[in-house]
Amino acid sequence: MEPNASVTLRGHTLIAKFKPSALRLAVMGIVAGLIINPAAALDEDVVLDTMIDLYAQDIECGQESAAPAWTRGSVTNSKDGYRARYSRFGCDIGPRGSIVLLPGRGEGSFEYYETAIDFIDRGFGPIYVIDHRGQGLSPRMLDDHHKGHVTLFEDYVDDAQAFVQAVRTDLAYLGAGADPVMYLTTNSMGGAIGIGLFQRLGADNPFEAAAFLGAMINVNYHSFTGTSSSWLNLRIHSETGALAQARWRCGVATFWNSERCEEYAVKSAANGYEAGTRRFVENDQAMMTHSAPRYDLRTHMLDTFDWSDIAEQEYAADEKWSGPQLGGATNRWVLEAARFNREMRKSDNLHKMAHVPVMLLTGSEDLRAYNPYPAWQDRKPDLSRHTEFCDDLNASSLRLNGSTICQFVSLQGGYHELYKESDFERVKALNTVDWFFRFKSEMSAQSDAARVIASK
């Protein structure tokens, strides 16, 4: 059984699970990350007004500004011709390398401008963020632009693979060379896509390390339903239950309703996205964050920001895009997400990604990630699904390499969207990711030096 390293600061706790050989360095790293590393570039008192102003400026490379540029591009998936969009924040190579970020379901790349500013302040750059197909700045998959839909979950991985290649090409153009230093970080669904990407790339993985925040490993589907935590409800809305219902709706049910698979999976999302309906509620896990200003910033970008010029200038007439707003997921999306999650957790697939160090960083109050229990058990939800994934990945890594590569860290009190959390939780998340990347970079440098010495 692996020991836990627990560090408490101002009443908040980070709990990290490490192998004994890494325990001392892990504790030192977390403490250093919490105390020594810089705080976020913006705080909640100014983030809303400051970011609204930056979005409106639409800063380009070469333009004088204290803030990094926000430029947008597209990458074509050669398999089906789909043109996914992405954002690049910053124009210069950072001394610590660049970061690729895969966001969660429903998120747009533009939502990570503030996070990009923080990472650039810490020595990274540029920061590249994809818009997954069918959401954010990318064209929609259906005529109803508010439906979150995908035909195959592997399509997301295909897009991400093409995106990474485009990033490498851009970095080479900026002067980083043919083998640039890159790190991967993700949120929610982006974690499943990142895991799928790592499993596909195998030993040819170009990343130094990856930090998966609130990763979509085994979704708490019950959290979308608003039903009580009875034994029956938890069974009906478990991964198995969600998969069975989606298979029915995308299979037998299509005989009398050909559009059933493309309908919303949850009735409450039947009207899609409606402007003016987002309202922040304090201390509500369903908000995904404790931060009212960051929640309101997203609301502003969805409800108020004028996207008309971008729509006119950056999209072809036949592309299905009129804005970043998105409603609920379709039955096909649920079917594909649940199926893919099961596939990526299999030991044969875990074995394929046992080459690059990864960290799972998850808020202890992550509604989408935790494992709920029936109310009668009087048992708090836990993150066992994430710790088990890390354990299984480490077992594969031990068999392949003789060492572990996965580290699990629980951020006490954090909700689902750690990069958009309140300042205290968010800075802890940034510092922990920063430390992990720094630690892995130093270990890699020592390993390279050892190989050079051994070759002489």
Protein backbone atom coordinates (compact mmCIF):
# COMPACT_ATOMS: atom_id res chain seq x y z
CA MET A 1 0.00 0.00 0.00
CA GLU A 2 1.40 3.37 -1.03
CA PRO A 3 1.73 6.11 1.60
CA ASN A 4 -0.11 9.41 1.41
CA ALA A 5 1.67 12.75 1.73
CA SER A 6 -0.61 15.27 3.42
CA VAL A 7 0.20 18.98 3.52
CA THR A 8 -2.14 21.41 5.30
CA LEU A 9 -2.07 25.16 4.78
CA ARG A 10 -4.59 27.61 6.21
CA GLY A 11 -7.08 24.84 6.86
CA HIS A 12 -6.84 23.35 3.38
CA THR A 13 -5.16 20.08 2.55
CA LEU A 14 -3.49 18.52 -0.45
CA ILE A 15 -3.25 14.76 -0.28
CA ALA A 16 -0.82 13.16 -2.67
CA LYS A 17 -0.26 9.48 -3.31
CA PHE A 18 3.36 8.58 -4.09
CA LYS A 19 5.76 5.68 -4.11
CA PRO A 20 8.11 5.71 -1.07
CA SER A 21 11.15 6.65 -3.19
CA ALA A 22 9.44 9.86 -4.30
CA LEU A 23 7.73 10.71 -1.02
CA ARG A 24 10.30 13.13 0.39
CA LEU A 25 10.72 15.03 -2.89
CA ALA A 26 6.95 15.07 -3.34
CA VAL A 27 6.30 16.70 0.03
CA MET A 28 9.09 19.22 -0.54
CA GLY A 29 7.71 19.98 -3.98
CA ILE A 30 4.17 20.57 -2.79
CA VAL A 31 5.30 22.79 0.07
CA ALA A 32 7.54 24.76 -2.29
CA GLY A 33 4.71 25.04 -4.77
CA LEU A 34 2.36 26.42 -2.17
CA ILE A 35 4.76 28.82 -0.49
CA ILE A 36 7.49 29.84 -2.94
CA ASN A 37 5.96 29.85 -6.40
CA PRO A 38 4.22 33.00 -7.67
CA ALA A 39 0.54 33.60 -7.10
CA ALA A 40 -1.89 34.02 -9.97
CA ALA A 41 -1.44 37.04 -12.22
CA LEU A 42 -4.98 38.23 -11.52
CA ASP A 43 -7.18 37.97 -8.47
CA GLU A 44 -10.93 37.80 -8.15
CA ASP A 45 -11.29 41.50 -7.40
CA VAL A 46 -10.11 42.45 -10.89
CA VAL A 47 -10.40 39.34 -13.05
CA LEU A 48 -13.85 40.05 -14.48
CA ASP A 49 -13.22 43.62 -15.69
CA THR A 50 -9.63 42.94 -16.71
CA MET A 51 -10.43 39.87 -18.80
CA ILE A 52 -13.47 41.47 -20.45
CA ASP A 53 -11.18 44.31 -21.55
CA LEU A 54 -8.52 41.91 -22.87
CA TYR A 55 -11.03 39.93 -24.90
CA ALA A 56 -12.35 43.14 -26.43
CA GLN A 57 -8.82 44.26 -27.41
CA ASP A 58 -8.20 41.03 -29.39
CA ILE A 59 -4.42 41.57 -29.06
CA GLU A 60 -2.26 40.36 -31.96
CA CYS A 61 1.41 39.38 -32.10
CA GLY A 62 3.61 42.44 -32.57
CA GLN A 63 1.10 44.73 -30.89
CA GLU A 64 2.40 46.56 -27.83
CA SER A 65 0.67 45.15 -24.78
CA ALA A 66 1.51 43.93 -21.31
CA ALA A 67 -0.79 40.95 -21.89
CA PRO A 68 -0.08 38.06 -24.27
CA ALA A 69 -1.71 38.03 -27.68
CA TRP A 70 -4.77 35.91 -28.40
CA THR A 71 -4.57 34.49 -31.90
CA ARG A 72 -6.87 31.89 -33.42
CA GLY A 73 -6.15 29.18 -35.95
CA SER A 74 -7.53 25.98 -37.40
CA VAL A 75 -6.23 22.47 -37.98
CA THR A 76 -7.69 19.97 -40.44
CA ASN A 77 -8.29 16.35 -39.51
CA SER A 78 -7.06 14.42 -42.57
CA LYS A 79 -9.42 11.51 -41.83
CA ASP A 80 -12.67 13.41 -42.36
CA GLY A 81 -11.66 16.95 -43.33
CA TYR A 82 -13.06 18.51 -40.15
CA ARG A 83 -11.47 21.88 -39.27
CA ALA A 84 -11.06 22.19 -35.52
CA ARG A 85 -10.26 25.62 -34.13
CA TYR A 86 -7.70 26.52 -31.50
CA SER A 87 -6.31 29.51 -29.64
CA ARG A 88 -2.68 30.41 -29.15
CA PHE A 89 -1.85 32.71 -26.26
CA GLY A 90 1.52 34.42 -26.50
CA CYS A 91 3.94 34.69 -29.38
CA ASP A 92 7.30 33.79 -27.86
CA ILE A 93 8.96 30.57 -26.78
CA GLY A 94 9.09 30.36 -22.98
CA PRO A 95 12.32 29.30 -21.27
CA ARG A 96 10.49 26.32 -19.74
CA GLY A 97 8.77 25.18 -22.93
CA SER A 98 5.21 25.40 -24.19
CA ILE A 99 1.92 24.02 -22.89
CA VAL A 100 -0.87 22.29 -24.79
CA LEU A 101 -4.25 22.39 -23.06
CA LEU A 102 -7.28 20.20 -23.82
CA PRO A 103 -10.44 21.69 -22.26
CA GLY A 104 -13.58 19.99 -20.99
CA ARG A 105 -16.94 19.35 -22.62
CA GLY A 106 -18.70 22.55 -23.58
CA GLU A 107 -15.66 24.78 -23.01
CA GLY A 108 -14.08 27.06 -25.57
CA SER A 109 -10.36 27.66 -25.94
CA PHE A 110 -10.86 31.37 -25.21
CA GLU A 111 -11.91 30.50 -21.64
CA TYR A 112 -8.28 29.70 -20.78
CA TYR A 113 -6.86 33.17 -21.50
CA GLU A 114 -6.41 33.88 -17.79
CA THR A 115 -4.78 30.48 -17.23
CA ALA A 116 -2.46 31.15 -20.16
CA ILE A 117 -1.40 34.46 -18.60
CA ASP A 118 -0.49 32.61 -15.40
CA PHE A 119 1.56 29.95 -17.17
CA ILE A 120 3.35 32.55 -19.31
CA ASP A 121 4.23 34.45 -16.12
CA ARG A 122 5.78 31.22 -14.87
CA GLY A 123 8.06 30.84 -17.87
CA PHE A 124 5.98 28.82 -20.33
CA GLY A 125 4.86 29.86 -23.77
CA PRO A 126 3.07 29.89 -26.03
CA ILE A 127 -0.01 28.23 -24.56
CA TYR A 128 -2.07 26.31 -27.12
CA VAL A 129 -5.73 25.40 -26.43
CA ILE A 130 -7.91 23.37 -28.79
CA ASP A 131 -11.63 23.73 -29.33
CA HIS A 132 -12.90 20.17 -29.48
CA ARG A 133 -15.13 19.42 -32.44
CA GLY A 134 -18.70 20.53 -31.98
CA GLN A 135 -18.01 23.03 -29.19
CA GLY A 136 -16.28 26.29 -28.34
CA LEU A 137 -14.97 27.97 -31.47
CA SER A 138 -15.16 24.79 -33.56
CA PRO A 139 -18.01 24.18 -36.04
CA ARG A 140 -20.99 22.22 -34.77
CA MET A 141 -21.74 18.64 -35.75
CA LEU A 142 -25.52 19.04 -36.07
CA ASP A 143 -27.89 21.66 -37.46
CA ASP A 144 -28.92 22.40 -33.87
CA HIS A 145 -25.79 24.26 -32.76
CA HIS A 146 -26.59 23.80 -29.08
CA LYS A 147 -26.32 20.01 -29.07
CA GLY A 148 -23.08 18.51 -27.75
CA HIS A 149 -22.54 15.67 -30.18
CA VAL A 150 -19.83 13.40 -31.52
CA THR A 151 -20.03 10.41 -33.85
CA LEU A 152 -17.05 8.57 -32.37
CA PHE A 153 -15.09 9.62 -29.30
CA GLU A 154 -11.94 8.70 -31.22
CA ASP A 155 -12.71 11.69 -33.45
CA TYR A 156 -11.67 13.91 -30.55
CA VAL A 157 -8.39 12.00 -30.31
CA ASP A 158 -7.84 12.31 -34.07
CA ASP A 159 -8.33 16.08 -33.82
CA ALA A 160 -5.99 16.30 -30.82
CA GLN A 161 -3.29 14.35 -32.63
CA ALA A 162 -3.51 16.67 -35.64
CA PHE A 163 -3.50 19.64 -33.26
CA VAL A 164 -0.31 18.50 -31.51
CA GLN A 165 1.41 18.13 -34.86
CA ALA A 166 0.29 21.64 -35.82
CA VAL A 167 1.64 22.94 -32.51
CA ARG A 168 5.02 21.32 -33.18
CA THR A 169 5.11 22.89 -36.62
CA ASP A 170 4.27 26.31 -35.18
CA LEU A 171 6.92 25.96 -32.46
CA ALA A 172 9.52 25.05 -35.07
CA TYR A 173 8.54 28.21 -36.98
CA LEU A 174 8.96 30.24 -33.80
CA GLY A 175 12.46 28.82 -33.35
CA ALA A 176 11.96 25.98 -30.86
CA GLY A 177 13.53 23.42 -33.18
CA ALA A 178 12.30 20.03 -34.34
CA ASP A 179 12.00 18.59 -30.82
CA PRO A 180 10.37 21.32 -28.70
CA VAL A 181 9.78 21.01 -24.96
CA MET A 182 6.03 20.54 -24.48
CA TYR A 183 3.77 19.77 -21.54
CA LEU A 184 0.13 18.71 -21.60
CA THR A 185 -2.60 19.76 -19.21
CA THR A 186 -6.31 19.10 -19.44
CA ASN A 187 -9.67 19.68 -17.82
CA SER A 188 -12.48 17.13 -17.47
CA MET A 189 -13.30 15.57 -20.89
CA GLY A 190 -9.95 16.79 -22.12
CA GLY A 191 -8.41 14.28 -19.70
CA ALA A 192 -10.08 11.35 -21.44
CA ILE A 193 -8.97 12.73 -24.80
CA GLY A 194 -5.43 13.24 -23.48
CA ILE A 195 -5.32 9.69 -22.10
CA GLY A 196 -6.55 8.36 -25.44
CA LEU A 197 -3.90 10.43 -27.22
CA PHE A 198 -1.13 9.10 -24.97
CA GLN A 199 -2.31 5.55 -25.54
CA ARG A 200 -2.21 6.09 -29.28
CA LEU A 201 1.21 7.79 -29.31
CA GLY A 202 2.85 5.20 -27.06
CA ALA A 203 6.62 5.49 -26.92
CA ASP A 204 6.54 8.27 -29.56
CA ASN A 205 4.82 10.63 -27.11
CA PRO A 206 6.43 14.10 -27.52
CA PHE A 207 5.35 15.48 -24.13
CA GLU A 208 7.61 15.77 -21.08
CA ALA A 209 4.73 15.25 -18.62
CA ALA A 210 0.98 15.70 -18.30
CA ALA A 211 -1.30 17.12 -15.60
CA PHE A 212 -4.91 15.93 -15.88
CA LEU A 213 -7.27 18.10 -13.80
CA GLY A 214 -10.68 16.67 -12.90
CA ALA A 215 -10.13 14.04 -15.58
CA MET A 216 -13.09 12.25 -17.17
CA ILE A 217 -12.13 8.72 -16.13
CA ASN A 218 -15.44 7.35 -14.88
CA VAL A 219 -18.20 9.95 -15.03
CA ASN A 220 -20.61 10.46 -12.16
CA TYR A 221 -23.63 10.46 -14.51
CA HIS A 222 -25.99 10.64 -11.55
CA SER A 223 -24.76 14.20 -10.93
CA PHE A 224 -26.54 15.38 -14.11
CA THR A 225 -29.97 14.06 -13.14
CA GLY A 226 -30.97 15.93 -9.99
CA THR A 227 -32.42 12.73 -8.52
CA SER A 228 -31.93 11.45 -4.97
CA SER A 229 -28.97 9.24 -4.08
CA SER A 230 -31.03 6.09 -3.71
CA TRP A 231 -29.53 2.71 -4.52
CA LEU A 232 -31.80 2.40 -7.56
CA ASN A 233 -31.01 5.86 -8.94
CA LEU A 234 -27.29 5.29 -8.56
CA ARG A 235 -27.62 2.03 -10.50
CA ILE A 236 -29.79 3.54 -13.24
CA HIS A 237 -27.43 6.50 -13.67
CA SER A 238 -24.16 4.63 -13.21
CA GLU A 239 -21.75 4.26 -16.12
CA THR A 240 -23.29 0.85 -16.85
CA GLY A 241 -26.79 2.29 -16.67
CA ALA A 242 -25.95 5.31 -18.84
CA LEU A 243 -24.29 3.07 -21.41
CA ALA A 244 -27.26 0.68 -21.52
CA GLN A 245 -29.76 3.53 -21.94
CA ALA A 246 -27.66 5.19 -24.66
CA ARG A 247 -27.31 1.90 -26.54
CA TRP A 248 -31.07 1.46 -26.48
CA ARG A 249 -31.73 5.02 -27.65
CA CYS A 250 -29.14 4.78 -30.41
CA GLY A 251 -30.18 1.26 -31.37
CA VAL A 252 -33.66 -0.22 -30.99
CA ALA A 253 -35.34 3.14 -30.33
CA THR A 254 -34.25 4.50 -33.71
CA PHE A 255 -36.64 2.07 -35.45
CA TRP A 256 -39.58 4.30 -34.45
CA ASN A 257 -37.63 7.55 -33.96
CA SER A 258 -34.73 7.93 -36.39
CA GLU A 259 -33.46 11.04 -34.57
CA ARG A 260 -33.48 9.49 -31.07
CA CYS A 261 -29.69 9.15 -30.93
CA GLU A 262 -29.25 12.86 -31.69
CA GLU A 263 -31.71 13.99 -29.04
CA TYR A 264 -30.59 15.34 -25.67
CA ALA A 265 -29.70 12.62 -23.20
CA VAL A 266 -31.14 14.52 -20.23
CA LYS A 267 -34.58 16.10 -20.47
CA SER A 268 -33.56 19.20 -18.51
CA ALA A 269 -31.27 20.15 -21.40
CA ALA A 270 -34.04 19.79 -24.01
CA ASN A 271 -34.11 23.51 -24.78
CA GLY A 272 -30.38 23.80 -25.35
CA TYR A 273 -28.52 26.87 -24.19
CA GLU A 274 -30.63 29.88 -23.21
CA ALA A 275 -29.00 33.27 -22.72
CA GLY A 276 -29.76 34.94 -19.39
CA THR A 277 -30.35 31.71 -17.49
CA ARG A 278 -26.93 31.29 -15.88
CA ARG A 279 -27.00 32.27 -12.20
CA PHE A 280 -24.16 31.74 -9.74
CA VAL A 281 -25.05 30.03 -6.45
CA GLU A 282 -22.49 30.06 -3.64
CA ASN A 283 -21.12 26.77 -2.33
CA ASP A 284 -23.00 24.72 -4.93
CA GLN A 285 -20.92 21.95 -6.48
CA ALA A 286 -23.01 22.15 -9.66
CA MET A 287 -21.44 25.57 -10.34
CA MET A 288 -18.12 23.72 -10.83
CA THR A 289 -16.32 26.62 -9.09
CA HIS A 290 -16.44 28.68 -5.89
CA SER A 291 -15.58 31.82 -7.90
CA ALA A 292 -18.49 34.09 -8.81
CA PRO A 293 -16.31 36.45 -10.93
CA ARG A 294 -14.90 33.61 -13.04
CA TYR A 295 -18.35 32.09 -13.42
CA ASP A 296 -19.69 35.50 -14.47
CA LEU A 297 -16.82 35.94 -16.92
CA ARG A 298 -17.89 32.79 -18.75
CA THR A 299 -21.48 34.04 -18.71
CA HIS A 300 -20.33 37.33 -20.27
CA MET A 301 -18.48 35.53 -23.07
CA LEU A 302 -21.52 33.37 -23.82
CA ASP A 303 -24.29 35.95 -23.42
CA THR A 304 -22.80 39.39 -24.05
CA PHE A 305 -19.55 39.26 -26.02
CA ASP A 306 -20.00 40.17 -29.71
CA TRP A 307 -18.82 37.23 -31.81
CA SER A 308 -20.19 38.56 -35.12
CA ASP A 309 -16.88 39.83 -36.54
CA ILE A 310 -15.09 36.58 -35.71
CA ALA A 311 -17.97 34.58 -37.23
CA GLU A 312 -17.85 36.63 -40.43
CA GLN A 313 -14.07 36.75 -40.84
CA GLU A 314 -12.93 33.30 -39.66
CA TYR A 315 -15.61 30.85 -40.81
CA ALA A 316 -16.66 29.56 -44.22
CA ALA A 317 -20.31 29.89 -45.21
CA ASP A 318 -20.91 26.14 -44.91
CA GLU A 319 -19.42 25.84 -41.39
CA LYS A 320 -21.97 25.41 -38.63
CA TRP A 321 -20.91 28.11 -36.18
CA SER A 322 -22.66 31.21 -34.88
CA GLY A 323 -21.17 31.42 -31.38
CA PRO A 324 -19.62 29.31 -28.60
CA GLN A 325 -22.85 28.56 -26.74
CA LEU A 326 -23.59 24.88 -26.13
CA GLY A 327 -26.37 22.98 -24.39
CA GLY A 328 -26.48 19.41 -23.14
CA ALA A 329 -25.03 16.25 -24.63
CA THR A 330 -26.84 13.94 -27.02
CA ASN A 331 -27.44 10.24 -26.50
CA ARG A 332 -24.69 9.50 -29.00
CA TRP A 333 -22.22 11.56 -26.96
CA VAL A 334 -23.12 9.62 -23.79
CA LEU A 335 -22.79 6.32 -25.63
CA GLU A 336 -19.38 7.23 -27.00
CA ALA A 337 -18.06 8.78 -23.78
CA ALA A 338 -19.02 5.78 -21.63
CA ARG A 339 -17.73 3.29 -24.19
CA PHE A 340 -14.43 5.11 -24.60
CA ASN A 341 -13.91 5.50 -20.86
CA ARG A 342 -14.26 1.75 -20.44
CA GLU A 343 -11.84 1.06 -23.27
CA MET A 344 -9.15 3.46 -22.04
CA ARG A 345 -9.21 1.92 -18.53
CA LYS A 346 -8.36 -1.57 -19.81
CA SER A 347 -4.91 -2.81 -18.82
CA ASP A 348 -3.86 -3.38 -22.44
CA ASN A 349 -4.49 0.29 -23.21
CA LEU A 350 -2.92 1.55 -19.98
CA HIS A 351 0.21 -0.36 -20.97
CA LYS A 352 0.42 1.76 -24.14
CA MET A 353 0.74 5.05 -22.20
CA ALA A 354 3.28 3.93 -19.60
CA HIS A 355 6.02 6.14 -21.04
CA VAL A 356 5.36 9.71 -19.85
CA PRO A 357 4.83 10.89 -16.23
CA VAL A 358 1.27 11.96 -15.47
CA MET A 359 -0.46 13.55 -12.50
CA LEU A 360 -4.15 13.34 -11.69
CA LEU A 361 -5.13 16.51 -9.81
CA THR A 362 -8.73 16.39 -8.63
CA GLY A 363 -10.78 18.55 -6.29
CA SER A 364 -12.08 16.61 -3.30
CA GLU A 365 -15.55 18.10 -3.99
CA ASP A 366 -15.48 17.33 -7.73
CA LEU A 367 -19.10 16.50 -8.45
CA ARG A 368 -18.37 14.96 -11.86
CA ALA A 369 -15.47 12.78 -10.73
CA TYR A 370 -16.28 11.44 -7.31
CA ASN A 371 -17.87 8.10 -6.56
CA PRO A 372 -21.28 8.57 -4.87
CA TYR A 373 -22.82 6.12 -2.42
CA PRO A 374 -26.46 5.44 -1.49
CA ALA A 375 -27.83 7.84 1.12
CA TRP A 376 -28.59 5.00 3.54
CA GLN A 377 -24.88 4.14 3.78
CA ASP A 378 -24.11 7.58 5.29
CA ARG A 379 -20.80 7.51 3.41
CA LYS A 380 -19.16 10.53 1.81
CA PRO A 381 -18.38 10.40 -1.91
CA ASP A 382 -14.73 9.70 -2.64
CA LEU A 383 -12.24 9.83 -5.50
CA SER A 384 -11.56 6.10 -5.57
CA ARG A 385 -12.16 5.99 -9.32
CA HIS A 386 -9.18 8.27 -9.85
CA THR A 387 -6.89 6.61 -7.34
CA GLU A 388 -7.68 3.21 -8.85
CA PHE A 389 -6.85 4.48 -12.34
CA CYS A 390 -3.48 5.75 -11.08
CA ASP A 391 -2.82 2.44 -9.32
CA ASP A 392 -3.65 0.48 -12.48
CA LEU A 393 -1.47 2.72 -14.63
CA ASN A 394 1.41 2.34 -12.18
CA ALA A 395 1.00 -1.43 -12.25
CA SER A 396 1.35 -1.33 -16.04
CA SER A 397 4.34 0.99 -15.80
CA LEU A 398 6.05 -1.25 -13.25
CA ARG A 399 5.69 -4.23 -15.55
CA LEU A 400 6.99 -2.26 -18.54
CA ASN A 401 9.61 0.07 -17.05
CA GLY A 402 10.16 -1.07 -13.48
CA SER A 403 8.97 2.29 -12.15
CA THR A 404 5.76 4.22 -11.50
CA ILE A 405 4.63 7.18 -13.63
CA CYS A 406 1.26 8.25 -12.17
CA GLN A 407 0.79 10.49 -9.14
CA PHE A 408 -2.61 11.30 -7.69
CA VAL A 409 -3.21 14.58 -5.84
CA SER A 410 -6.49 15.55 -4.21
CA LEU A 411 -7.00 19.28 -3.75
CA GLN A 412 -9.09 19.55 -0.60
CA GLY A 413 -12.22 21.64 -1.05
CA GLY A 414 -11.77 22.12 -4.78
CA TYR A 415 -14.68 21.76 -7.20
CA HIS A 416 -14.54 20.41 -10.76
CA GLU A 417 -12.98 23.30 -12.70
CA LEU A 418 -9.73 23.94 -10.82
CA TYR A 419 -8.34 26.39 -13.40
CA LYS A 420 -11.44 28.54 -12.85
CA GLU A 421 -11.71 28.11 -9.10
CA SER A 422 -11.57 30.79 -6.41
CA ASP A 423 -8.12 32.29 -5.87
CA PHE A 424 -7.01 30.06 -3.01
CA GLU A 425 -7.93 26.74 -4.66
CA ARG A 426 -6.86 27.95 -8.09
CA VAL A 427 -3.40 29.10 -6.99
CA LYS A 428 -2.86 25.77 -5.26
CA ALA A 429 -3.78 23.98 -8.48
CA LEU A 430 -1.48 26.19 -10.59
CA ASN A 431 1.38 25.75 -8.13
CA THR A 432 0.94 21.99 -8.02
CA VAL A 433 0.97 21.69 -11.82
CA ASP A 434 3.94 24.07 -11.97
CA TRP A 435 5.83 21.99 -9.41
CA PHE A 436 5.03 18.73 -11.18
CA PHE A 437 6.30 20.03 -14.52
CA ARG A 438 9.39 21.52 -12.87
CA PHE A 439 10.13 18.32 -10.95
CA LYS A 440 9.76 16.14 -14.03
CA SER A 441 11.91 18.52 -16.08
CA GLU A 442 14.72 18.37 -13.53
CA MET A 443 14.49 14.58 -13.29
CA SER A 444 14.61 14.34 -17.08
CA ALA A 445 17.68 16.57 -17.22
CA GLN A 446 19.43 14.43 -14.61
CA SER A 447 18.55 11.30 -16.55
CA ASP A 448 19.89 12.79 -19.79
CA ALA A 449 23.12 13.79 -18.04
CA ALA A 450 23.51 10.28 -16.63
CA ARG A 451 23.09 8.79 -20.09
CA VAL A 452 25.76 11.12 -21.49
CA ILE A 453 28.19 10.18 -18.73
CA ALA A 454 27.44 6.48 -19.19
CA SER A 455 28.11 6.72 -22.92
CA LYS A 456 31.62 8.11 -22.44
